[in-house]
Amino acid sequence: MAADNREIAKQVVEAIGGRENIASFAHCATRLRIMVHDQQKIDQNKVENIDKVKGAFFNSGQYQIIFGTGTVNQIFEAVEALGLESTSKEDLKSEAKKSGNMFQRSIRTFGDVFVPIIPVLVATGLFMGLRGLLTQETVLAWFGLTPDDISANFLMLTQVLTDTAFAFLPALVAWSAFKVFGGSPVLGIVLGLMLVNPALPNAYSVANGSAEALEIFGFIPVVGYQGSVLPAFFIGLLGAKFERYLRKRIPEAIDLIVTPFVTLLVMIILGLFAIGPIFHSLEEVVLNVTTFLLDLPLGIAGLVIGFFNQIIVVTGVHHIFNFLEIQLLEQTGSNPFNAIVTSAMAAQGAACLAVGLKTKNNKLKALSLPSSFSAFLGISEPAIFGVNLRYVKPFIMGLIGGGIGGFMASLLKLEATGMAITVIPGTLLYLNSQLPWYILCNLTAMAITFVLTWMFGFNDKMLDQVKSEAK
């Protein structure tokens, strides 16, 4: 096994233009991430035909080779054993941020802030799903219980699990923003907590009319920012840069006292009186537009989003949807976006599965089948970049199936209790009366895509065509 990995490592280095073309490299859970000096020196066809490679593509300024969980660690070590010096994933990201246009760099930065807090939101969504399951009358009846039999203390404890992350969401966002932009994360946490301090009128209470906003100078409304994302993001961004500015100018002898004091004072004043009101208003506009699109009649929203979602994934700017999903969950308590994009991902998995079952090429079969399973677990990149996009038609069939699945999800008004998990794991977000419909939408998207791909989307003649185009 070790010898095989060393040989694969040598082939990878050779295929991307040799040692001299490698600026730095690192790895994540599934991919070897490489910064190269000259993209033109990469032999894409050669890379894709290396054993264990499940796909390769440029994204976020990096050349990313998909090996899969576990395998990538072994290949990474084998590349290091060749004498190449690796770099940290953070340093690689920093270098990658310099590439791409302004929009791409902005989306990457936005993603860097929100990706670290997604695991907590995933866990919260699962808690919401389980809470919904345990409080259903049908489920309780299985145990001879009714909703009146559930202890108020039990409901209160479950509420701690389901509400905490969203109640203090600004603290999570500000912490992550300070970390990404080079400030002291603890200052971000404190600033975020200040935005939801109980001394401020609760945003939800103000919204339902049970409380009134404070008026500063007679015209600036001040409320807590429970559930707000944009104010915390920009306070974190500006706060981190302001802290760094101060540290360069304040003498070290008093830096420990003065810098945190001035940073917190200035940023909370700006946050409550300027940044908060401005970006909270913008946040409401974004949410209202998203909600409007999702409420379009006759399943139009699902059809459009379901069709185009995986195209957006290919561009690498799909992290922007994390913000939208967080906003939907926090403001409305549900996430209709999840069911739509789940159908899109399941469809790409089905297209990849059809290729794997139809082809007689052993290497393509060995690549397609595990890649399709990965998509069914909610990670569609191996299927898209490793198989579907290489032959184009399977990807298009997946778009069609995703559009139809999304159309059904929109018509049925499916709404997840959380975010960030999809397809098979995503069933945990529909542990209520929606589960049968969720399964139906996914199976429909998969069945239509599979049939279309099998009949019109792939045959083994495409193997020779792709090879000839790569020469």
Foldseek 3Di string as FASTA:
>chain_A
DLVLLLVLLVQQQVQQQHPQQFPAWDDDQFKIWTQGPDRVSHQQVSNLPRPQFLFWDDDLNTIITGNHGPSVVSNVVSNVVVVDDHDDPLVVNVVSLVDDDPVRSVLSLVLQLPVVCQVLQVQLLLLLLVVQLVQDQVNQVVVPDHNVPDDPVVVVVSCCSNPVCQQQVLLSSLLSLLVSQVAHSVLLNVLSCVLNPPVFAAPVCCVVVVDPFDDDPNHFGFGRDRLDRQLSNVLSNVLNVQLVVVVVPDDPVCNVPPSSVVSSVVSSCCSGRPSVVVVVVVLVVVQVVVVVLLLDPQLPSLLVCQLCVVVVVVNVSNSVVVSNQSNCCSPPQWGLPQLLVLLLLLLLLLLLCLCLVAAPDPSSVVSSNVQSVVSLFPDNVSSVRSPCVLQVLLNNLSSNLSSQLRSQSSNVVDIFSGDDTHHPVSLSRVSDPCSVSSVVSNVSSSVSSSVCCNVPNDDPVSVVVSVVVSD
